[in-house]
Amino acid sequence: MARHDKDFRPDREDSGLWGQLYLTKKQRLSAAKWLLYSLVVLALSVVQDVMLSSLDLRGATTDLVPCAILTVCILEGADSGSLFSLLAATVYLFSGTAPGVHVVVLLPLLGVIASVFRQNYLRKSFFTTVLCAGAMVLVYELTVFGVALFVEQTYAARVTVALITAGLSCLAIPLLYPILVSIGKIGGETWKE
């Protein structure tokens, strides 16, 4: 019996690392979704630091990065959203614009609390997401103010500045919501009711 060349094909030896890595379509879409979330948070950080930092209202300005991190955590759920918020808060800290090291614990904790509350007691909608994210932004701003007051970086009379910052930041959440929901639909929905 004679052997033909087309009966046996040897393995390709010129394939590099990418040739050996196989990702399914769902895995590629999931990676694209998380990359887009990260790029949105990065873009908001740049907008906050370059454009909005010079605009203030009685000493207050917006705080877009925590708004985006908390909204993504609420939209994605406690399991995958908490990991994203932990990584994003760490990058936020190392960017040099975070108010302190406590944001690495505070943002994931608030995101998980809001996400679990919304998943257990509320339906998925625009209003509930904005409500939960707004409440957590208010708690975030007041906690950051409390920590700054504790370490004597500010004084108690500036609590109105923290409240105005929380209010301005909450006004940004409805603007961020359609963008983040559109990104969240890449690769399928994670919410199961």
C-alpha atoms as a PDB file:
ATOM      1  CA  MET A   1       0.000   0.000   0.000  1.00  0.00           C
ATOM      2  CA  ALA A   2       1.515   3.282  -1.067  1.00  0.00           C
ATOM      3  CA  ARG A   3       1.386   6.349   1.115  1.00  0.00           C
ATOM      4  CA  HIS A   4       0.099   9.544  -0.423  1.00  0.00           C
ATOM      5  CA  ASP A   5       1.234  13.024   0.550  1.00  0.00           C
ATOM      6  CA  LYS A   6      -2.296  14.192   1.223  1.00  0.00           C
ATOM      7  CA  ASP A   7      -2.960  11.443   3.797  1.00  0.00           C
ATOM      8  CA  PHE A   8      -0.683  12.974   6.403  1.00  0.00           C
ATOM      9  CA  ARG A   9      -0.005  16.637   7.093  1.00  0.00           C
ATOM     10  CA  PRO A  10       2.686  17.489   9.624  1.00  0.00           C
ATOM     11  CA  ASP A  11       2.105  20.240  12.179  1.00  0.00           C
ATOM     12  CA  ARG A  12       3.062  23.730  11.141  1.00  0.00           C
ATOM     13  CA  GLU A  13       6.223  24.826  12.831  1.00  0.00           C
ATOM     14  CA  ASP A  14       6.009  28.519  11.956  1.00  0.00           C
ATOM     15  CA  SER A  15       3.004  29.331  14.145  1.00  0.00           C
ATOM     16  CA  GLY A  16       3.843  31.760  16.916  1.00  0.00           C
ATOM     17  CA  LEU A  17       2.162  32.383  20.216  1.00  0.00           C
ATOM     18  CA  TRP A  18      -0.992  33.801  18.601  1.00  0.00           C
ATOM     19  CA  GLY A  19      -1.295  30.726  16.393  1.00  0.00           C
ATOM     20  CA  GLN A  20      -1.479  28.490  19.443  1.00  0.00           C
ATOM     21  CA  LEU A  21      -3.978  30.677  21.297  1.00  0.00           C
ATOM     22  CA  TYR A  22      -7.548  29.828  20.411  1.00  0.00           C
ATOM     23  CA  LEU A  23     -10.368  32.025  21.629  1.00  0.00           C
ATOM     24  CA  THR A  24     -13.999  31.329  20.929  1.00  0.00           C
ATOM     25  CA  LYS A  25     -16.215  34.077  19.575  1.00  0.00           C
ATOM     26  CA  LYS A  26     -17.828  34.555  22.997  1.00  0.00           C
ATOM     27  CA  GLN A  27     -14.409  34.905  24.644  1.00  0.00           C
ATOM     28  CA  ARG A  28     -13.303  37.469  22.051  1.00  0.00           C
ATOM     29  CA  LEU A  29     -16.501  39.470  22.554  1.00  0.00           C
ATOM     30  CA  SER A  30     -16.124  39.324  26.324  1.00  0.00           C
ATOM     31  CA  ALA A  31     -12.532  40.539  26.084  1.00  0.00           C
ATOM     32  CA  ALA A  32     -13.659  43.359  23.779  1.00  0.00           C
ATOM     33  CA  LYS A  33     -16.378  44.366  26.260  1.00  0.00           C
ATOM     34  CA  TRP A  34     -13.974  44.607  29.189  1.00  0.00           C
ATOM     35  CA  LEU A  35     -11.422  46.440  27.061  1.00  0.00           C
ATOM     36  CA  LEU A  36     -14.067  48.995  26.039  1.00  0.00           C
ATOM     37  CA  TYR A  37     -15.138  49.449  29.664  1.00  0.00           C
ATOM     38  CA  SER A  38     -11.507  50.108  30.559  1.00  0.00           C
ATOM     39  CA  LEU A  39     -11.098  52.583  27.719  1.00  0.00           C
ATOM     40  CA  VAL A  40     -14.226  54.476  28.801  1.00  0.00           C
ATOM     41  CA  VAL A  41     -12.916  54.763  32.363  1.00  0.00           C
ATOM     42  CA  LEU A  42      -9.526  55.871  31.035  1.00  0.00           C
ATOM     43  CA  ALA A  43     -11.145  58.454  28.738  1.00  0.00           C
ATOM     44  CA  LEU A  44     -13.240  59.774  31.626  1.00  0.00           C
ATOM     45  CA  SER A  45     -10.111  60.063  33.738  1.00  0.00           C
ATOM     46  CA  VAL A  46      -8.453  62.149  31.028  1.00  0.00           C
ATOM     47  CA  VAL A  47     -11.553  64.334  30.579  1.00  0.00           C
ATOM     48  CA  GLN A  48     -11.811  64.806  34.333  1.00  0.00           C
ATOM     49  CA  ASP A  49      -8.157  65.705  34.795  1.00  0.00           C
ATOM     50  CA  VAL A  50      -7.661  67.842  31.693  1.00  0.00           C
ATOM     51  CA  MET A  51     -10.948  69.600  31.090  1.00  0.00           C
ATOM     52  CA  LEU A  52     -13.172  69.453  34.145  1.00  0.00           C
ATOM     53  CA  SER A  53     -10.550  69.993  36.840  1.00  0.00           C
ATOM     54  CA  SER A  54     -10.343  73.687  36.012  1.00  0.00           C
ATOM     55  CA  LEU A  55     -14.122  74.125  36.173  1.00  0.00           C
ATOM     56  CA  ASP A  56     -15.502  74.360  39.664  1.00  0.00           C
ATOM     57  CA  LEU A  57     -18.652  75.427  41.414  1.00  0.00           C
ATOM     58  CA  ARG A  58     -17.810  76.887  44.842  1.00  0.00           C
ATOM     59  CA  GLY A  59     -14.765  74.589  45.018  1.00  0.00           C
ATOM     60  CA  ALA A  60     -16.603  71.482  43.804  1.00  0.00           C
ATOM     61  CA  THR A  61     -16.211  69.632  40.538  1.00  0.00           C
ATOM     62  CA  THR A  62     -17.375  66.330  39.094  1.00  0.00           C
ATOM     63  CA  ASP A  63     -15.854  62.967  39.925  1.00  0.00           C
ATOM     64  CA  LEU A  64     -16.443  60.913  36.771  1.00  0.00           C
ATOM     65  CA  VAL A  65     -14.149  57.935  37.339  1.00  0.00           C
ATOM     66  CA  PRO A  66     -15.923  56.625  40.472  1.00  0.00           C
ATOM     67  CA  CYS A  67     -19.276  57.158  38.703  1.00  0.00           C
ATOM     68  CA  ALA A  68     -18.192  54.980  35.797  1.00  0.00           C
ATOM     69  CA  ILE A  69     -16.607  52.296  37.990  1.00  0.00           C
ATOM     70  CA  LEU A  70     -19.678  52.017  40.212  1.00  0.00           C
ATOM     71  CA  THR A  71     -22.087  52.006  37.263  1.00  0.00           C
ATOM     72  CA  VAL A  72     -20.147  49.235  35.492  1.00  0.00           C
ATOM     73  CA  CYS A  73     -20.099  47.186  38.694  1.00  0.00           C
ATOM     74  CA  ILE A  74     -23.860  47.591  39.089  1.00  0.00           C
ATOM     75  CA  LEU A  75     -24.542  46.751  35.440  1.00  0.00           C
ATOM     76  CA  GLU A  76     -22.312  43.673  35.355  1.00  0.00           C
ATOM     77  CA  GLY A  77     -23.300  42.208  38.691  1.00  0.00           C
ATOM     78  CA  ALA A  78     -21.407  41.467  41.848  1.00  0.00           C
ATOM     79  CA  ASP A  79     -19.263  38.622  40.514  1.00  0.00           C
ATOM     80  CA  SER A  80     -17.541  40.117  37.469  1.00  0.00           C
ATOM     81  CA  GLY A  81     -18.260  43.740  38.345  1.00  0.00           C
ATOM     82  CA  SER A  82     -16.369  43.475  41.615  1.00  0.00           C
ATOM     83  CA  LEU A  83     -13.230  42.282  39.870  1.00  0.00           C
ATOM     84  CA  PHE A  84     -13.482  45.109  37.349  1.00  0.00           C
ATOM     85  CA  SER A  85     -14.021  47.688  40.091  1.00  0.00           C
ATOM     86  CA  LEU A  86     -11.046  46.363  42.062  1.00  0.00           C
ATOM     87  CA  LEU A  87      -8.734  46.538  39.037  1.00  0.00           C
ATOM     88  CA  ALA A  88     -10.101  49.913  37.908  1.00  0.00           C
ATOM     89  CA  ALA A  89      -9.769  51.360  41.425  1.00  0.00           C
ATOM     90  CA  THR A  90      -6.161  50.152  41.559  1.00  0.00           C
ATOM     91  CA  VAL A  91      -5.387  51.814  38.233  1.00  0.00           C
ATOM     92  CA  TYR A  92      -7.230  54.930  39.457  1.00  0.00           C
ATOM     93  CA  LEU A  93      -4.997  54.982  42.536  1.00  0.00           C
ATOM     94  CA  PHE A  94      -1.800  54.576  40.508  1.00  0.00           C
ATOM     95  CA  SER A  95      -2.895  57.290  38.066  1.00  0.00           C
ATOM     96  CA  GLY A  96      -2.243  59.795  40.820  1.00  0.00           C
ATOM     97  CA  THR A  97      -5.695  61.377  40.769  1.00  0.00           C
ATOM     98  CA  ALA A  98      -7.382  59.243  43.410  1.00  0.00           C
ATOM     99  CA  PRO A  99      -7.961  60.938  46.771  1.00  0.00           C
ATOM    100  CA  GLY A 100      -6.168  58.174  48.636  1.00  0.00           C
ATOM    101  CA  VAL A 101      -5.357  54.510  48.954  1.00  0.00           C
ATOM    102  CA  HIS A 102      -8.749  53.853  50.548  1.00  0.00           C
ATOM    103  CA  VAL A 103     -10.446  53.991  47.113  1.00  0.00           C
ATOM    104  CA  VAL A 104      -9.055  50.514  46.335  1.00  0.00           C
ATOM    105  CA  VAL A 105     -11.273  49.099  49.074  1.00  0.00           C
ATOM    106  CA  LEU A 106     -14.090  51.643  48.954  1.00  0.00           C
ATOM    107  CA  LEU A 107     -15.079  51.482  45.274  1.00  0.00           C
ATOM    108  CA  PRO A 108     -15.328  47.661  45.008  1.00  0.00           C
ATOM    109  CA  LEU A 109     -17.141  47.471  48.348  1.00  0.00           C
ATOM    110  CA  LEU A 110     -19.719  50.095  47.394  1.00  0.00           C
ATOM    111  CA  GLY A 111     -20.108  48.570  43.931  1.00  0.00           C
ATOM    112  CA  VAL A 112     -20.779  45.111  45.338  1.00  0.00           C
ATOM    113  CA  ILE A 113     -23.254  46.433  47.923  1.00  0.00           C
ATOM    114  CA  ALA A 114     -25.192  48.353  45.269  1.00  0.00           C
ATOM    115  CA  SER A 115     -25.047  45.471  42.800  1.00  0.00           C
ATOM    116  CA  VAL A 116     -26.280  42.882  45.294  1.00  0.00           C
ATOM    117  CA  PHE A 117     -29.035  45.208  46.489  1.00  0.00           C
ATOM    118  CA  ARG A 118     -30.226  45.908  42.970  1.00  0.00           C
ATOM    119  CA  GLN A 119     -30.092  42.267  41.888  1.00  0.00           C
ATOM    120  CA  ASN A 120     -31.990  41.052  44.960  1.00  0.00           C
ATOM    121  CA  TYR A 121     -34.584  43.770  45.463  1.00  0.00           C
ATOM    122  CA  LEU A 122     -34.964  45.784  42.257  1.00  0.00           C
ATOM    123  CA  ARG A 123     -35.569  45.124  38.588  1.00  0.00           C
ATOM    124  CA  LYS A 124     -32.982  45.968  35.976  1.00  0.00           C
ATOM    125  CA  SER A 125     -33.869  49.376  34.566  1.00  0.00           C
ATOM    126  CA  PHE A 126     -32.459  52.805  33.897  1.00  0.00           C
ATOM    127  CA  PHE A 127     -33.998  54.281  37.038  1.00  0.00           C
ATOM    128  CA  THR A 128     -32.781  51.586  39.435  1.00  0.00           C
ATOM    129  CA  THR A 129     -29.254  51.659  38.037  1.00  0.00           C
ATOM    130  CA  VAL A 130     -29.049  55.446  38.260  1.00  0.00           C
ATOM    131  CA  LEU A 131     -30.586  55.393  41.740  1.00  0.00           C
ATOM    132  CA  CYS A 132     -28.154  52.772  43.083  1.00  0.00           C
ATOM    133  CA  ALA A 133     -25.130  54.358  41.410  1.00  0.00           C
ATOM    134  CA  GLY A 134     -26.137  57.824  42.611  1.00  0.00           C
ATOM    135  CA  ALA A 135     -26.584  56.617  46.182  1.00  0.00           C
ATOM    136  CA  MET A 136     -23.180  54.935  46.132  1.00  0.00           C
ATOM    137  CA  VAL A 137     -21.521  58.041  44.633  1.00  0.00           C
ATOM    138  CA  LEU A 138     -22.994  60.065  47.497  1.00  0.00           C
ATOM    139  CA  VAL A 139     -21.683  57.545  50.039  1.00  0.00           C
ATOM    140  CA  TYR A 140     -18.304  57.518  48.239  1.00  0.00           C
ATOM    141  CA  GLU A 141     -17.950  61.307  48.304  1.00  0.00           C
ATOM    142  CA  LEU A 142     -18.978  61.545  51.966  1.00  0.00           C
ATOM    143  CA  THR A 143     -16.591  58.732  52.913  1.00  0.00           C
ATOM    144  CA  VAL A 144     -13.723  60.393  51.049  1.00  0.00           C
ATOM    145  CA  PHE A 145     -14.592  63.637  52.833  1.00  0.00           C
ATOM    146  CA  GLY A 146     -14.706  61.806  56.179  1.00  0.00           C
ATOM    147  CA  VAL A 147     -11.294  60.234  55.614  1.00  0.00           C
ATOM    148  CA  ALA A 148      -9.840  63.613  54.591  1.00  0.00           C
ATOM    149  CA  LEU A 149     -11.368  65.157  57.719  1.00  0.00           C
ATOM    150  CA  PHE A 150      -9.933  62.365  59.876  1.00  0.00           C
ATOM    151  CA  VAL A 151      -6.391  62.822  58.528  1.00  0.00           C
ATOM    152  CA  GLU A 152      -6.803  66.601  58.784  1.00  0.00           C
ATOM    153  CA  GLN A 153      -6.567  67.394  55.074  1.00  0.00           C
ATOM    154  CA  THR A 154      -9.786  69.419  55.163  1.00  0.00           C
ATOM    155  CA  TYR A 155     -12.143  71.010  57.648  1.00  0.00           C
ATOM    156  CA  ALA A 156     -15.767  70.276  58.515  1.00  0.00           C
ATOM    157  CA  ALA A 157     -17.220  73.418  56.903  1.00  0.00           C
ATOM    158  CA  ARG A 158     -16.318  72.018  53.466  1.00  0.00           C
ATOM    159  CA  VAL A 159     -18.975  69.299  53.685  1.00  0.00           C
ATOM    160  CA  THR A 160     -21.080  71.383  51.284  1.00  0.00           C
ATOM    161  CA  VAL A 161     -18.308  71.058  48.699  1.00  0.00           C
ATOM    162  CA  ALA A 162     -18.437  67.273  49.060  1.00  0.00           C
ATOM    163  CA  LEU A 163     -22.225  67.316  48.667  1.00  0.00           C
ATOM    164  CA  ILE A 164     -22.050  69.556  45.578  1.00  0.00           C
ATOM    165  CA  THR A 165     -19.388  67.247  44.089  1.00  0.00           C
ATOM    166  CA  ALA A 166     -21.647  64.269  44.742  1.00  0.00           C
ATOM    167  CA  GLY A 167     -24.589  66.064  43.126  1.00  0.00           C
ATOM    168  CA  LEU A 168     -22.607  67.066  40.042  1.00  0.00           C
ATOM    169  CA  SER A 169     -21.231  63.540  39.737  1.00  0.00           C
ATOM    170  CA  CYS A 170     -24.721  62.067  40.009  1.00  0.00           C
ATOM    171  CA  LEU A 171     -25.798  64.272  37.099  1.00  0.00           C
ATOM    172  CA  ALA A 172     -23.173  62.527  34.958  1.00  0.00           C
ATOM    173  CA  ILE A 173     -24.545  59.022  35.610  1.00  0.00           C
ATOM    174  CA  PRO A 174     -27.568  59.308  33.264  1.00  0.00           C
ATOM    175  CA  LEU A 175     -25.193  60.506  30.542  1.00  0.00           C
ATOM    176  CA  LEU A 176     -22.850  57.550  31.087  1.00  0.00           C
ATOM    177  CA  TYR A 177     -25.633  54.968  31.319  1.00  0.00           C
ATOM    178  CA  PRO A 178     -26.418  54.557  27.567  1.00  0.00           C
ATOM    179  CA  ILE A 179     -22.743  54.213  26.700  1.00  0.00           C
ATOM    180  CA  LEU A 180     -22.067  51.623  29.390  1.00  0.00           C
ATOM    181  CA  VAL A 181     -25.255  49.656  28.650  1.00  0.00           C
ATOM    182  CA  SER A 182     -24.323  49.509  24.955  1.00  0.00           C
ATOM    183  CA  ILE A 183     -20.897  48.165  25.837  1.00  0.00           C
ATOM    184  CA  GLY A 184     -22.461  45.713  28.297  1.00  0.00           C
ATOM    185  CA  LYS A 185     -24.561  44.156  25.535  1.00  0.00           C
ATOM    186  CA  ILE A 186     -21.443  42.978  23.717  1.00  0.00           C
ATOM    187  CA  GLY A 187     -21.195  39.239  24.169  1.00  0.00           C
ATOM    188  CA  GLY A 188     -24.688  38.763  25.597  1.00  0.00           C
ATOM    189  CA  GLU A 189     -26.548  39.727  28.750  1.00  0.00           C
ATOM    190  CA  THR A 190     -25.392  38.506  32.154  1.00  0.00           C
ATOM    191  CA  TRP A 191     -28.605  39.351  34.006  1.00  0.00           C
ATOM    192  CA  LYS A 192     -30.899  36.403  34.647  1.00  0.00           C
ATOM    193  CA  GLU A 193     -34.353  36.968  36.122  1.00  0.00           C
END
